[in-house]
Amino acid sequence: MPSKVKPLTDAQIKAYEATRDLAAELLESVQQMKTGKTQVVFSPAAEARERTGMSQSQFALLLGVSVRTLQGWEQGRKQPSGAARTLLTIARTNPKALLAVAGSSVREE
């Protein structure tokens, strides 16, 4: 069972932001890209959808959520909960099982 992470308070965010050196962070990022030390990280939702080969609209329909909600999950702005998280896990680990349940009607749209 995943642990619940408490969001930072406004004061904690402000304190963190006050200590940041954005120019140094940007320079470090550019240096990492030049040396090949970067990698693209897919969110679990994006990875799940990618493995099924479905479009965002098809995958959202299958999960019973709006495309906007799916986009929020894929971009890390929102986190799925309950049944959606379980379906995403199934899609990541066994996309054929999810596709079998989906039937042809979802894939044809």
Protein backbone atom coordinates (compact mmCIF):
# COMPACT_ATOMS: atom_id res chain seq x y z
CA MET A 1 0.00 0.00 0.00
CA PRO A 2 1.57 3.33 -1.05
CA SER A 3 2.39 5.81 1.66
CA LYS A 4 0.61 9.13 1.66
CA VAL A 5 2.92 12.07 1.18
CA LYS A 6 1.89 15.29 2.87
CA PRO A 7 2.09 18.31 0.57
CA LEU A 8 4.49 21.06 1.55
CA THR A 9 3.07 24.06 3.28
CA ASP A 10 3.34 27.51 1.69
CA ALA A 11 6.02 28.42 4.24
CA GLN A 12 8.06 25.29 3.39
CA ILE A 13 7.84 26.02 -0.33
CA LYS A 14 8.85 29.63 0.22
CA ALA A 15 11.84 28.57 2.34
CA TYR A 16 12.95 26.07 -0.30
CA GLU A 17 12.56 28.54 -3.15
CA ALA A 18 14.60 31.16 -1.25
CA THR A 19 17.64 28.85 -1.17
CA ARG A 20 17.54 27.85 -4.86
CA ASP A 21 20.04 29.08 -7.41
CA LEU A 22 18.06 28.66 -10.63
CA ALA A 23 20.97 29.70 -12.84
CA ALA A 24 23.19 27.00 -11.30
CA GLU A 25 20.41 24.40 -11.62
CA LEU A 26 19.89 25.29 -15.27
CA LEU A 27 23.62 25.15 -15.99
CA GLU A 28 23.88 21.76 -14.29
CA SER A 29 20.95 20.46 -16.37
CA VAL A 30 22.57 21.62 -19.60
CA GLN A 31 25.86 19.98 -18.60
CA GLN A 32 24.06 16.72 -17.81
CA MET A 33 22.32 16.77 -21.19
CA LYS A 34 25.62 17.34 -22.99
CA THR A 35 27.24 14.38 -21.23
CA GLY A 36 24.23 12.12 -21.81
CA LYS A 37 23.41 11.76 -18.13
CA THR A 38 19.74 12.45 -18.65
CA GLN A 39 16.88 10.15 -19.41
CA VAL A 40 13.22 10.53 -20.21
CA VAL A 41 11.01 9.34 -17.38
CA PHE A 42 7.46 8.35 -18.18
CA SER A 43 4.80 8.70 -15.54
CA PRO A 44 3.10 5.41 -14.65
CA ALA A 45 -0.03 6.58 -16.50
CA ALA A 46 1.90 7.51 -19.65
CA GLU A 47 3.80 4.23 -19.52
CA ALA A 48 0.56 2.26 -19.11
CA ARG A 49 -1.08 3.99 -22.06
CA GLU A 50 2.05 3.60 -24.19
CA ARG A 51 2.11 -0.15 -23.55
CA THR A 52 -1.49 -0.54 -24.69
CA GLY A 53 -0.82 1.40 -27.89
CA MET A 54 -3.96 3.46 -27.36
CA SER A 55 -4.48 7.15 -27.94
CA GLN A 56 -5.25 9.37 -24.96
CA SER A 57 -8.93 9.51 -25.89
CA GLN A 58 -9.18 5.72 -26.25
CA PHE A 59 -7.35 5.06 -23.00
CA ALA A 60 -9.38 7.66 -21.09
CA LEU A 61 -12.60 6.09 -22.38
CA LEU A 62 -11.43 2.65 -21.28
CA LEU A 63 -10.63 3.94 -17.79
CA GLY A 64 -13.85 5.94 -17.55
CA VAL A 65 -12.13 9.29 -17.07
CA SER A 66 -11.88 12.45 -19.11
CA VAL A 67 -8.94 13.03 -21.43
CA ARG A 68 -8.04 16.03 -19.28
CA THR A 69 -7.82 13.83 -16.17
CA LEU A 70 -5.61 11.35 -18.03
CA GLN A 71 -3.38 14.19 -19.21
CA GLY A 72 -3.08 15.38 -15.61
CA TRP A 73 -1.94 11.92 -14.55
CA GLU A 74 0.51 11.65 -17.43
CA GLN A 75 2.02 15.06 -16.69
CA GLY A 76 2.25 14.36 -12.96
CA ARG A 77 -0.15 17.18 -12.02
CA LYS A 78 -2.68 14.73 -10.58
CA GLN A 79 -2.47 11.26 -9.08
CA PRO A 80 -4.94 8.47 -9.84
CA SER A 81 -6.57 6.77 -6.92
CA GLY A 82 -8.39 3.53 -6.18
CA ALA A 83 -9.55 1.52 -9.16
CA ALA A 84 -7.81 3.77 -11.69
CA ARG A 85 -4.44 3.12 -10.06
CA THR A 86 -5.14 -0.62 -10.19
CA LEU A 87 -6.09 -0.48 -13.87
CA LEU A 88 -2.95 1.50 -14.66
CA THR A 89 -0.87 -1.13 -12.89
CA ILE A 90 -2.53 -3.87 -14.92
CA ALA A 91 -1.96 -1.90 -18.13
CA ARG A 92 1.74 -1.49 -17.30
CA THR A 93 2.35 -5.09 -16.30
CA ASN A 94 -0.05 -6.93 -18.61
CA PRO A 95 -1.42 -4.64 -21.33
CA LYS A 96 -2.90 -7.60 -23.25
CA ALA A 97 -5.22 -8.35 -20.31
CA LEU A 98 -6.53 -4.79 -20.32
CA LEU A 99 -6.92 -4.81 -24.10
CA ALA A 100 -8.88 -8.06 -23.91
CA VAL A 101 -11.28 -6.45 -21.46
CA ALA A 102 -11.51 -3.32 -23.57
CA GLY A 103 -12.83 -5.17 -26.59
CA SER A 104 -12.80 -3.74 -30.07
CA SER A 105 -15.19 -0.86 -29.43
CA VAL A 106 -12.62 1.23 -27.54
CA ARG A 107 -9.79 0.58 -29.98
CA GLU A 108 -11.85 1.44 -33.04
CA GLU A 109 -12.67 5.01 -31.99
